N, C-alpha and C. Protein backbone atom coordinates (compact mmCIF):
# COMPACT_ATOMS: atom_id res chain seq x y z
N MET A 1 -14.99 5.05 -10.64
CA MET A 1 -14.20 5.76 -9.66
C MET A 1 -13.17 6.42 -10.12
N ARG A 2 -12.83 7.43 -9.68
CA ARG A 2 -11.68 8.43 -10.10
C ARG A 2 -10.41 8.05 -9.18
N ILE A 3 -9.32 8.35 -9.70
CA ILE A 3 -8.03 8.24 -8.99
C ILE A 3 -7.98 9.06 -7.84
N SER A 4 -8.58 10.35 -7.81
CA SER A 4 -8.72 11.10 -6.66
C SER A 4 -9.48 10.45 -5.57
N GLU A 5 -10.45 9.82 -6.04
CA GLU A 5 -11.36 9.12 -4.95
C GLU A 5 -10.76 7.96 -4.41
N LEU A 6 -9.73 7.21 -5.03
CA LEU A 6 -8.80 6.13 -4.64
C LEU A 6 -7.90 6.43 -3.65
N ARG A 7 -7.46 7.69 -3.73
CA ARG A 7 -6.41 8.12 -2.84
C ARG A 7 -7.01 8.48 -1.38
N LEU A 8 -8.14 8.35 -1.38
CA LEU A 8 -8.97 8.51 0.02
C LEU A 8 -9.18 7.32 0.72
N LEU A 9 -8.96 6.08 0.01
CA LEU A 9 -9.20 4.88 0.66
C LEU A 9 -8.10 4.39 1.46
N ASP A 10 -8.13 3.64 2.36
CA ASP A 10 -7.23 3.05 3.28
C ASP A 10 -6.85 1.55 2.57
N ILE A 11 -5.49 1.28 2.59
CA ILE A 11 -5.26 0.02 2.25
C ILE A 11 -5.28 -1.10 3.32
N VAL A 12 -5.81 -2.22 3.32
CA VAL A 12 -5.81 -3.02 4.45
C VAL A 12 -5.44 -4.54 3.87
N ASN A 13 -4.55 -5.20 4.56
CA ASN A 13 -4.08 -6.61 4.31
C ASN A 13 -5.27 -7.65 4.69
N ILE A 14 -5.79 -8.47 3.96
CA ILE A 14 -6.85 -9.24 4.32
C ILE A 14 -6.34 -10.53 5.08
N LYS A 15 -5.16 -10.68 5.22
CA LYS A 15 -4.74 -11.96 5.92
C LYS A 15 -4.44 -11.56 7.42
N ASP A 16 -4.31 -10.32 7.84
CA ASP A 16 -4.23 -10.03 9.24
C ASP A 16 -5.01 -8.90 9.79
N GLY A 17 -5.59 -8.10 8.78
CA GLY A 17 -6.43 -6.97 9.00
C GLY A 17 -5.66 -5.65 9.27
N ARG A 18 -4.24 -5.69 8.99
CA ARG A 18 -3.39 -4.54 9.37
C ARG A 18 -3.52 -3.47 8.27
N ARG A 19 -3.77 -2.29 8.77
CA ARG A 19 -3.73 -1.26 7.78
C ARG A 19 -2.43 -0.84 7.24
N LEU A 20 -2.28 -0.66 6.08
CA LEU A 20 -1.05 -0.32 5.38
C LEU A 20 -1.00 1.15 5.36
N GLY A 21 -2.04 1.87 5.25
CA GLY A 21 -2.12 3.25 4.78
C GLY A 21 -2.96 3.72 3.66
N PRO A 22 -2.72 4.91 3.18
CA PRO A 22 -3.52 5.47 2.00
C PRO A 22 -2.73 5.08 0.70
N ILE A 23 -3.30 5.21 -0.41
CA ILE A 23 -2.48 5.09 -1.60
C ILE A 23 -1.48 6.27 -1.77
N LYS A 24 -0.43 6.21 -2.03
CA LYS A 24 0.43 7.26 -2.35
C LYS A 24 0.49 7.58 -3.79
N ASP A 25 0.54 6.42 -4.58
CA ASP A 25 0.68 6.67 -6.17
C ASP A 25 0.27 5.52 -6.79
N LEU A 26 0.00 5.52 -7.97
CA LEU A 26 -0.29 4.21 -8.85
C LEU A 26 0.98 3.95 -9.87
N ASP A 27 1.14 2.75 -9.87
CA ASP A 27 2.30 2.36 -11.08
C ASP A 27 1.62 2.01 -12.19
N LEU A 28 1.56 2.76 -13.29
CA LEU A 28 0.90 2.61 -14.60
C LEU A 28 1.79 2.03 -15.69
N ASP A 29 1.29 1.18 -16.54
CA ASP A 29 1.98 0.73 -17.64
C ASP A 29 1.22 1.53 -18.94
N LEU A 30 1.91 2.54 -19.28
CA LEU A 30 1.28 3.51 -20.28
C LEU A 30 1.28 3.00 -21.67
N GLU A 31 1.99 1.90 -21.94
CA GLU A 31 1.96 1.40 -23.37
C GLU A 31 0.62 0.39 -23.40
N ARG A 32 0.48 -0.24 -22.25
CA ARG A 32 -0.77 -1.11 -22.29
C ARG A 32 -2.03 -0.39 -21.76
N GLY A 33 -1.84 0.53 -21.05
CA GLY A 33 -3.03 1.23 -20.54
C GLY A 33 -3.66 0.63 -19.37
N SER A 34 -2.69 0.15 -18.45
CA SER A 34 -3.30 -0.75 -17.14
C SER A 34 -2.47 -0.34 -16.06
N ILE A 35 -3.12 -0.66 -14.97
CA ILE A 35 -2.65 -0.35 -13.79
C ILE A 35 -1.60 -1.50 -13.35
N LYS A 36 -0.33 -1.27 -13.04
CA LYS A 36 0.68 -2.42 -12.57
C LYS A 36 0.61 -2.50 -10.95
N GLY A 37 0.22 -1.51 -10.34
CA GLY A 37 0.27 -1.76 -8.99
C GLY A 37 0.01 -0.35 -8.11
N ILE A 38 -0.07 -0.62 -6.95
CA ILE A 38 -0.35 0.74 -5.99
C ILE A 38 0.72 0.85 -5.12
N VAL A 39 1.13 2.06 -4.76
CA VAL A 39 2.27 2.54 -4.02
C VAL A 39 1.75 2.90 -2.76
N VAL A 40 2.12 2.35 -1.68
CA VAL A 40 1.66 2.77 -0.26
C VAL A 40 2.95 3.32 0.39
N GLN A 41 2.79 4.55 0.99
CA GLN A 41 3.86 5.04 1.82
C GLN A 41 4.25 4.25 3.02
N GLY A 42 5.52 3.97 3.06
CA GLY A 42 6.11 3.43 4.29
C GLY A 42 5.89 4.05 5.57
N ALA A 43 5.93 3.27 6.61
CA ALA A 43 5.71 3.83 7.99
C ALA A 43 7.10 4.53 8.38
N SER A 44 7.01 5.50 9.37
CA SER A 44 8.25 6.11 9.81
C SER A 44 8.83 5.15 10.80
N ARG A 45 10.17 5.13 10.90
CA ARG A 45 11.03 4.26 11.64
C ARG A 45 11.28 4.91 12.88
N SER A 46 11.35 6.13 13.31
CA SER A 46 11.73 6.62 14.53
C SER A 46 10.81 7.58 15.03
N TRP A 47 10.97 7.89 16.44
CA TRP A 47 9.92 8.94 16.92
C TRP A 47 10.57 10.31 16.91
N GLY A 48 11.56 10.62 16.44
CA GLY A 48 12.30 11.93 16.37
C GLY A 48 11.65 12.97 15.60
N PHE A 49 11.95 14.09 15.76
CA PHE A 49 11.41 15.25 14.86
C PHE A 49 11.86 15.01 13.40
N PHE A 50 13.03 14.50 13.23
CA PHE A 50 13.52 14.27 11.76
C PHE A 50 13.37 12.71 11.54
N GLY A 51 12.24 12.11 11.96
CA GLY A 51 12.23 10.58 11.78
C GLY A 51 12.16 10.19 10.39
N GLY A 52 13.05 9.13 10.05
CA GLY A 52 13.12 8.83 8.66
C GLY A 52 11.97 7.84 8.28
N ARG A 53 11.76 7.73 6.95
CA ARG A 53 10.73 6.71 6.45
C ARG A 53 11.30 5.49 5.86
N THR A 54 10.49 4.65 6.01
CA THR A 54 10.93 3.24 5.15
C THR A 54 10.55 3.48 3.71
N GLU A 55 10.98 2.58 2.81
CA GLU A 55 10.87 2.65 1.40
C GLU A 55 9.31 2.51 1.18
N ASP A 56 8.71 2.98 0.18
CA ASP A 56 7.40 2.77 -0.14
C ASP A 56 7.26 1.35 -0.40
N ILE A 57 6.05 1.04 -0.16
CA ILE A 57 5.53 -0.43 -0.48
C ILE A 57 4.74 -0.46 -1.84
N LEU A 58 5.21 -1.38 -2.82
CA LEU A 58 4.54 -1.63 -4.05
C LEU A 58 3.60 -2.87 -3.97
N VAL A 59 2.44 -2.68 -3.97
CA VAL A 59 1.36 -3.83 -4.02
C VAL A 59 1.19 -4.18 -5.46
N PRO A 60 1.47 -5.22 -6.14
CA PRO A 60 1.14 -5.63 -7.45
C PRO A 60 -0.59 -5.55 -7.59
N TRP A 61 -0.88 -5.04 -8.73
CA TRP A 61 -2.45 -5.09 -8.98
C TRP A 61 -3.03 -6.32 -8.89
N GLU A 62 -2.40 -7.44 -9.32
CA GLU A 62 -3.19 -8.80 -9.06
C GLU A 62 -3.28 -8.97 -7.57
N ARG A 63 -2.74 -8.38 -6.63
CA ARG A 63 -2.88 -8.63 -5.33
C ARG A 63 -4.13 -7.77 -4.68
N VAL A 64 -4.78 -6.87 -5.51
CA VAL A 64 -5.75 -6.29 -4.92
C VAL A 64 -7.17 -7.17 -5.07
N LYS A 65 -7.55 -7.51 -4.02
CA LYS A 65 -8.69 -8.35 -3.90
C LYS A 65 -10.07 -7.77 -4.20
N LYS A 66 -10.39 -6.55 -3.42
CA LYS A 66 -11.57 -5.90 -3.43
C LYS A 66 -11.33 -4.36 -3.06
N ILE A 67 -12.19 -3.62 -4.07
CA ILE A 67 -12.21 -2.26 -3.75
C ILE A 67 -13.57 -1.87 -3.29
N GLY A 68 -13.65 -1.52 -1.89
CA GLY A 68 -14.99 -1.07 -1.33
C GLY A 68 -15.23 0.45 -1.17
N VAL A 69 -16.12 0.54 -0.58
CA VAL A 69 -16.54 2.13 -0.34
C VAL A 69 -15.61 2.85 0.57
N ASP A 70 -14.84 2.11 1.58
CA ASP A 70 -13.96 2.83 2.52
C ASP A 70 -12.53 2.30 2.51
N VAL A 71 -12.44 1.14 1.85
CA VAL A 71 -11.15 0.36 1.99
C VAL A 71 -10.80 -0.35 0.73
N ILE A 72 -9.34 -0.51 0.45
CA ILE A 72 -9.11 -1.58 -0.62
C ILE A 72 -8.50 -2.66 0.11
N LEU A 73 -8.92 -4.04 -0.21
CA LEU A 73 -8.36 -5.03 0.31
C LEU A 73 -7.22 -5.63 -0.45
N VAL A 74 -6.19 -5.95 0.04
CA VAL A 74 -5.17 -6.62 -0.73
C VAL A 74 -4.46 -7.77 -0.01
N ASP A 75 -3.76 -8.58 -0.68
CA ASP A 75 -3.19 -9.69 0.00
C ASP A 75 -1.65 -9.22 -0.11
N ALA A 76 -1.21 -8.92 0.96
CA ALA A 76 0.31 -8.52 1.04
C ALA A 76 1.07 -9.23 2.00
N THR A 77 0.73 -10.45 2.29
CA THR A 77 1.51 -11.31 3.36
C THR A 77 2.90 -11.71 2.91
N ASP A 78 3.08 -11.82 1.73
CA ASP A 78 4.59 -12.70 1.22
C ASP A 78 5.23 -11.56 0.58
N LEU A 79 4.92 -10.18 0.63
CA LEU A 79 5.64 -9.17 -0.10
C LEU A 79 6.88 -8.91 0.90
N PRO A 80 7.97 -8.94 0.30
CA PRO A 80 9.36 -8.70 0.95
C PRO A 80 9.27 -7.16 1.79
N GLU A 81 8.72 -6.18 0.96
CA GLU A 81 8.71 -4.94 1.70
C GLU A 81 7.63 -4.92 2.78
N PHE A 82 6.48 -5.52 2.78
CA PHE A 82 5.62 -5.86 3.84
C PHE A 82 6.38 -6.51 5.23
N ASN A 83 6.70 -7.57 4.69
CA ASN A 83 7.40 -8.37 5.83
C ASN A 83 8.45 -7.58 6.56
N SER A 84 9.28 -6.87 6.06
CA SER A 84 10.23 -5.93 6.70
C SER A 84 9.65 -4.96 7.43
N LEU A 85 8.36 -4.43 6.93
CA LEU A 85 7.83 -3.34 7.66
C LEU A 85 7.18 -3.81 8.97
N VAL A 86 6.65 -5.07 9.01
CA VAL A 86 6.15 -5.76 10.18
C VAL A 86 7.16 -6.01 11.14
N ASP A 87 8.30 -6.41 10.80
CA ASP A 87 9.29 -6.77 11.51
C ASP A 87 9.93 -5.39 12.39
N ASP A 88 9.97 -4.21 11.60
CA ASP A 88 10.41 -3.03 12.25
C ASP A 88 9.45 -2.45 13.23
N ARG A 89 8.24 -3.00 13.15
CA ARG A 89 7.16 -2.38 14.00
C ARG A 89 7.07 -3.11 15.35
N ARG A 90 7.86 -4.43 15.43
CA ARG A 90 7.55 -5.05 16.72
C ARG A 90 8.81 -4.73 17.55
């Protein structure tokens, strides 16, 4: 699978089925030649024309549980960035 194909997949939290969004970027360890994590774009905070965005969510690679045809399943329940995103949406 190519990185360009990964960017087309949605990220879904396996604990609650919540869609986190598509991959925005990969966090790479160039010295080791490995993936450290995936970066998911934060959701917008307001409804206005100039609506701000929250910080991007970094999901460590060890939290990726399964890469499927349409989605990437991750365990993001206790990540601080994810918890604040859930609280903002309520």
